[in-house]
Amino acid sequence: MSVRWATDADRFPVVRLMQRAQMGCSFYDYGALDGPALVDEEDGVIVGYVLFTLARPESHIRQICVDPAHQGHGMVAKRLLTA
């Protein structure tokens, strides 16, 4: 597994992850990663991501999502939040 900055190519894999995790809301633009994001990949598949706002003096986590098959172990979220 590896954590890296998200790119535009990650938009649709992230949307598919949100669908698998049954996350979402009516006002979110699912066609765009509208801020800095990190993704965690396993064998080329995104298994988690965190979307945040960078600001001074503080930053905010806007959304974090982990694939249901990887939930409950604490590893994906830990990697994303400590990267």
Protein backbone atom coordinates (compact mmCIF):
# COMPACT_ATOMS: atom_id res chain seq x y z
CA MET A 1 0.00 0.00 0.00
CA SER A 2 1.16 3.51 -0.68
CA VAL A 3 -0.14 6.98 0.11
CA ARG A 4 0.23 9.71 -2.51
CA TRP A 5 -1.32 13.00 -3.56
CA ALA A 6 -4.50 12.55 -5.59
CA THR A 7 -4.52 13.56 -9.24
CA ASP A 8 -7.34 14.35 -11.68
CA ALA A 9 -7.14 10.73 -12.85
CA ASP A 10 -8.30 9.65 -9.37
CA ARG A 11 -11.68 11.39 -9.58
CA PHE A 12 -13.71 8.44 -10.83
CA PRO A 13 -11.98 5.77 -8.71
CA VAL A 14 -12.69 7.98 -5.67
CA VAL A 15 -16.36 8.27 -6.68
CA ARG A 16 -16.55 4.46 -7.02
CA LEU A 17 -14.99 4.13 -3.56
CA MET A 18 -17.58 6.54 -2.14
CA GLN A 19 -20.33 4.44 -3.71
CA ARG A 20 -18.93 1.21 -2.23
CA ALA A 21 -18.73 2.89 1.18
CA GLN A 22 -22.24 4.36 0.70
CA MET A 23 -20.97 7.87 1.34
CA GLY A 24 -22.21 11.00 -0.30
CA CYS A 25 -24.54 13.90 -0.11
CA SER A 26 -26.77 15.75 -2.52
CA PHE A 27 -24.64 18.90 -2.76
CA TYR A 28 -21.23 17.33 -3.43
CA ASP A 29 -19.78 17.59 -6.94
CA TYR A 30 -18.79 13.98 -7.56
CA GLY A 31 -16.99 14.87 -10.77
CA ALA A 32 -14.22 16.82 -9.04
CA LEU A 33 -11.75 16.51 -6.22
CA ASP A 34 -12.24 20.11 -5.15
CA GLY A 35 -9.26 20.42 -2.86
CA PRO A 36 -6.04 18.72 -1.82
CA ALA A 37 -6.48 15.01 -1.22
CA LEU A 38 -4.37 11.98 -0.39
CA VAL A 39 -5.20 8.49 -1.61
CA ASP A 40 -4.06 5.12 -0.29
CA GLU A 41 -3.57 2.47 -2.98
CA GLU A 42 -3.26 -1.30 -2.79
CA ASP A 43 -2.26 -3.09 -5.98
CA GLY A 44 -3.28 -0.04 -8.04
CA VAL A 45 -6.74 0.23 -6.46
CA ILE A 46 -7.67 3.18 -4.23
CA VAL A 47 -8.73 1.80 -0.84
CA GLY A 48 -9.04 5.13 0.98
CA TYR A 49 -8.75 8.86 0.65
CA VAL A 50 -8.82 12.00 2.74
CA LEU A 51 -9.93 15.38 1.37
CA PHE A 52 -8.90 18.44 3.33
CA THR A 53 -8.57 22.21 3.34
CA LEU A 54 -5.13 23.69 3.89
CA ALA A 55 -5.16 27.01 5.70
CA ARG A 56 -3.17 28.90 8.24
CA PRO A 57 -3.04 28.58 11.17
CA GLU A 58 -5.02 25.35 10.87
CA SER A 59 -6.16 22.80 8.32
CA HIS A 60 -9.42 20.86 8.25
CA ILE A 61 -10.32 17.32 7.22
CA ARG A 62 -13.37 17.64 5.01
CA GLN A 63 -13.94 13.99 4.21
CA ILE A 64 -12.28 10.66 4.86
CA CYS A 65 -13.36 7.39 3.29
CA VAL A 66 -12.09 3.82 3.58
CA ASP A 67 -13.20 0.92 1.39
CA PRO A 68 -15.61 -1.27 3.40
CA ALA A 69 -13.37 -4.30 2.78
CA HIS A 70 -10.53 -2.48 4.59
CA GLN A 71 -12.55 -0.95 7.43
CA GLY A 72 -12.17 -1.98 11.04
CA HIS A 73 -8.42 -2.52 11.03
CA GLY A 74 -7.35 1.09 11.56
CA MET A 75 -4.56 0.88 9.01
CA VAL A 76 -5.83 2.81 5.98
CA ALA A 77 -7.06 5.83 7.97
CA LYS A 78 -3.90 5.81 10.08
CA ARG A 79 -1.71 5.87 6.98
CA LEU A 80 -3.75 8.69 5.43
CA LEU A 81 -3.71 10.84 8.57
CA THR A 82 -0.03 10.37 9.31
CA ALA A 83 1.24 10.88 5.74
